[in-house]
Amino acid sequence: MKTVTFTRMTNHPVLPHPQPIGSYAPDDAIFVLKNIGESLNESSTEERERAVQSGAHYSEMLPQEYKPTDEYMKIFYTSLAQTAHKLAETAAVAAERIIQQRGTNLVLVSLARAGTPIGILFKRYIHLRFGISLPHYSVSIIRGKGIDENAILYILQQHPDRQIQFVDGWTGKGAITKELREACSLFQTNHGINLSAQLAVAADPGHCTELYGTREDFLIPSACLNATVSGLISRTVHRSDIIGHNDYHGAKFYTELQKEDVSGFFVETIARLFPYTIEKAIIQANNYPLDLASWKGMDDVARIGRQFAIPDVNLIKPGVGETTRVLLRRIPWKILIHPERVHNLTHVLQLAHERQVPLETYPDMSFSCCGLIKCIGGGET
């Protein structure tokens, strides 16, 4: 891949530094986002679902933030205690593989918002293991609209001699992975700059990328929560009346949730385990086979769609992380549960109980669970 230099870039004006937003320390992550403040109010789950399924774009509305109950927070803390070592090892392996495949002249660019805490973990591990402090930014990518090109241009202006490594938390059926590939192709067309679309993730149960820590569909505890484990940032927003041509994509900063914020706690809990994972991570990373993406997750989704007569693939959300999102901010129809992995799905069972969502045993999938969204209208979801 060619090294990007600032002099090779288009005549795009020098972009301003983004205003500070989010609860992470700047050394951990910089959100290249526009703080939309109170420009956009949250829609109820029912209102938003009906609008999205009737053709409105999801990025033009904000869902109501789920404020977890005390019982649910106990599940988060219990899940974190149970999976912390596994996530630390998984993140360490992925970070090792990033350095093996891409070198050290990198900028980590996580996809807001689920990718942000994972990007911080990769940054922390690489600093511990290699003594290198890689820059880490978080940017918006929106299905159907692509990546925030202004944010990418800003990062390249700040680091003209570095390569970008995109980061996310996990994969599902691969919609965002495909969106990233298309966005990188479009970016090259628009700006003459070749970006690597190889996405690095902690877990790749959808078999969508070759750069991962594991392909097991296990609970990454940050999936249990929304803003309160992702720097108090909302889902990213792109609406023409709020985001101008030269603006970064937008997000809301939930300062009112500071008392509930566990973003830093989550990162610190995992990162403090890294010293105990290095030896094992090196061995695992060195012995990983060249396992090409098979997109097995998409095959699973297609079969589920046929068996349950679901007209739109976007109503099917496979994997622990995506199922959790369905339960937190969509209108679930039912949740499919792999019977051999139910013991690792306590938080999914709790959320389903709280929302009175039926569960159905379904062993014929590579995922631990799958969330099915209730079809209440036509159009894009």
Foldseek 3Di string as FASTA:
>chain_A
DDFFALVLWDPPDAADQEDAFFQDDQLQEGEQAHALAPVADADEQVVLQVCQQAADFNQAHFHDFDDDDPVLVVVLVVLCVVCLLVLLLLLLLLLVLCCVVPNDQEAEEEEPFQFRLSSSSSQLLCCVPPVDRHHYYYFHQGQPPATFLLSVSNVCVVRVRGAYAYEHAEDFLCRVLVSLVVNQVVSCVVIVDHHDSAYAYSEYLQLHHQRYSYPAQFDPSLLLGHCLQGRQWTHWHDDPVRAPPNGGTHIHRPPVCVVSRCNVVSSVSNSVCNVVNNVVSVVCSVPDDRRHRPSQSNVVLVVVCVVVVPPDSVQKTFGLSRLSVCLRRHAFAAKEAAVVCVVRNVSSVVSCVVNVHYYHYDNPGSHRMMTGGDNDHHHHD
